[in-house]
Amino acid sequence: MAAAALARLDWPWLLLSLVMVAATYYGRALRWAVFLKPLKLPTIRNLLFRHCHRVRRRHLFGRPGELVRPI
């Protein structure tokens, strides 16, 4: 079933979506760089790595509020 779905995959759209996701991550890191510019702390590369790590961690472990909300 998964192999059939991969066979029907439209690769140009997938690549375009990955480029758009990467551009969004870069834009968010750039925004944080502007916010933190007066402090002269992190570089854009460091901010981009940290943002990607936060997003990955949120997808893997979820948000703590998601468990508390139903209670």
Protein backbone atom coordinates (compact mmCIF):
# COMPACT_ATOMS: atom_id res chain seq x y z
CA MET A 1 0.00 0.00 0.00
CA ALA A 2 2.79 2.42 0.85
CA ALA A 3 4.70 1.40 -2.28
CA ALA A 4 1.65 2.20 -4.42
CA ALA A 5 1.37 5.61 -2.79
CA LEU A 6 5.05 6.31 -3.41
CA ALA A 7 4.67 5.26 -7.04
CA ARG A 8 1.90 7.82 -7.53
CA LEU A 9 3.84 10.57 -5.75
CA ASP A 10 4.24 13.80 -7.68
CA TRP A 11 7.92 14.57 -7.00
CA PRO A 12 7.99 18.21 -8.20
CA TRP A 13 5.23 19.11 -5.72
CA LEU A 14 7.03 17.29 -2.93
CA LEU A 15 10.27 19.14 -3.65
CA LEU A 16 8.44 22.45 -3.84
CA SER A 17 6.79 21.81 -0.48
CA LEU A 18 10.15 20.94 1.11
CA VAL A 19 11.67 24.15 -0.24
CA MET A 20 8.74 26.12 1.18
CA VAL A 21 9.13 24.46 4.60
CA ALA A 22 12.85 25.26 4.61
CA ALA A 23 12.12 28.88 3.63
CA THR A 24 9.60 29.15 6.46
CA TYR A 25 12.13 27.84 8.99
CA TYR A 26 14.74 30.27 7.68
CA GLY A 27 12.25 33.15 7.89
CA ARG A 28 11.43 32.32 11.51
CA ALA A 29 15.13 32.12 12.40
CA LEU A 30 15.70 35.45 10.66
CA ARG A 31 12.86 37.00 12.68
CA TRP A 32 14.47 35.80 15.91
CA ALA A 33 17.81 37.18 14.74
CA VAL A 34 16.18 40.59 14.31
CA PHE A 35 14.58 40.37 17.77
CA LEU A 36 17.88 39.39 19.40
CA LYS A 37 20.10 41.75 17.40
CA PRO A 38 20.53 44.26 20.26
CA LEU A 39 21.92 41.45 22.45
CA LYS A 40 24.34 40.27 19.72
CA LEU A 41 24.01 36.68 20.89
CA PRO A 42 23.36 33.93 18.31
CA THR A 43 24.13 33.62 14.64
CA ILE A 44 21.41 32.89 12.06
CA ARG A 45 22.80 29.36 11.63
CA ASN A 46 22.57 28.69 15.36
CA LEU A 47 19.03 30.07 15.48
CA LEU A 48 17.99 27.93 12.52
CA PHE A 49 19.37 24.80 14.18
CA ARG A 50 17.61 25.62 17.45
CA HIS A 51 14.30 26.28 15.71
CA CYS A 52 14.43 23.00 13.76
CA HIS A 53 15.29 21.17 16.97
CA ARG A 54 12.29 22.72 18.79
CA VAL A 55 9.92 21.79 15.98
CA ARG A 56 11.24 18.22 15.84
CA ARG A 57 10.97 17.86 19.62
CA ARG A 58 7.39 19.18 19.59
CA HIS A 59 6.40 16.70 16.89
CA LEU A 60 8.02 13.76 18.66
CA PHE A 61 6.90 14.44 22.22
CA GLY A 62 3.89 16.73 21.77
CA ARG A 63 3.04 19.67 23.97
CA PRO A 64 2.50 19.23 27.69
CA GLY A 65 -0.77 21.16 27.53
CA GLU A 66 -2.28 18.54 25.24
CA LEU A 67 -2.38 16.09 28.15
CA VAL A 68 -3.70 18.58 30.70
CA ARG A 69 -6.39 20.18 28.55
CA PRO A 70 -8.94 17.30 28.65
CA ILE A 71 -8.64 17.08 32.44
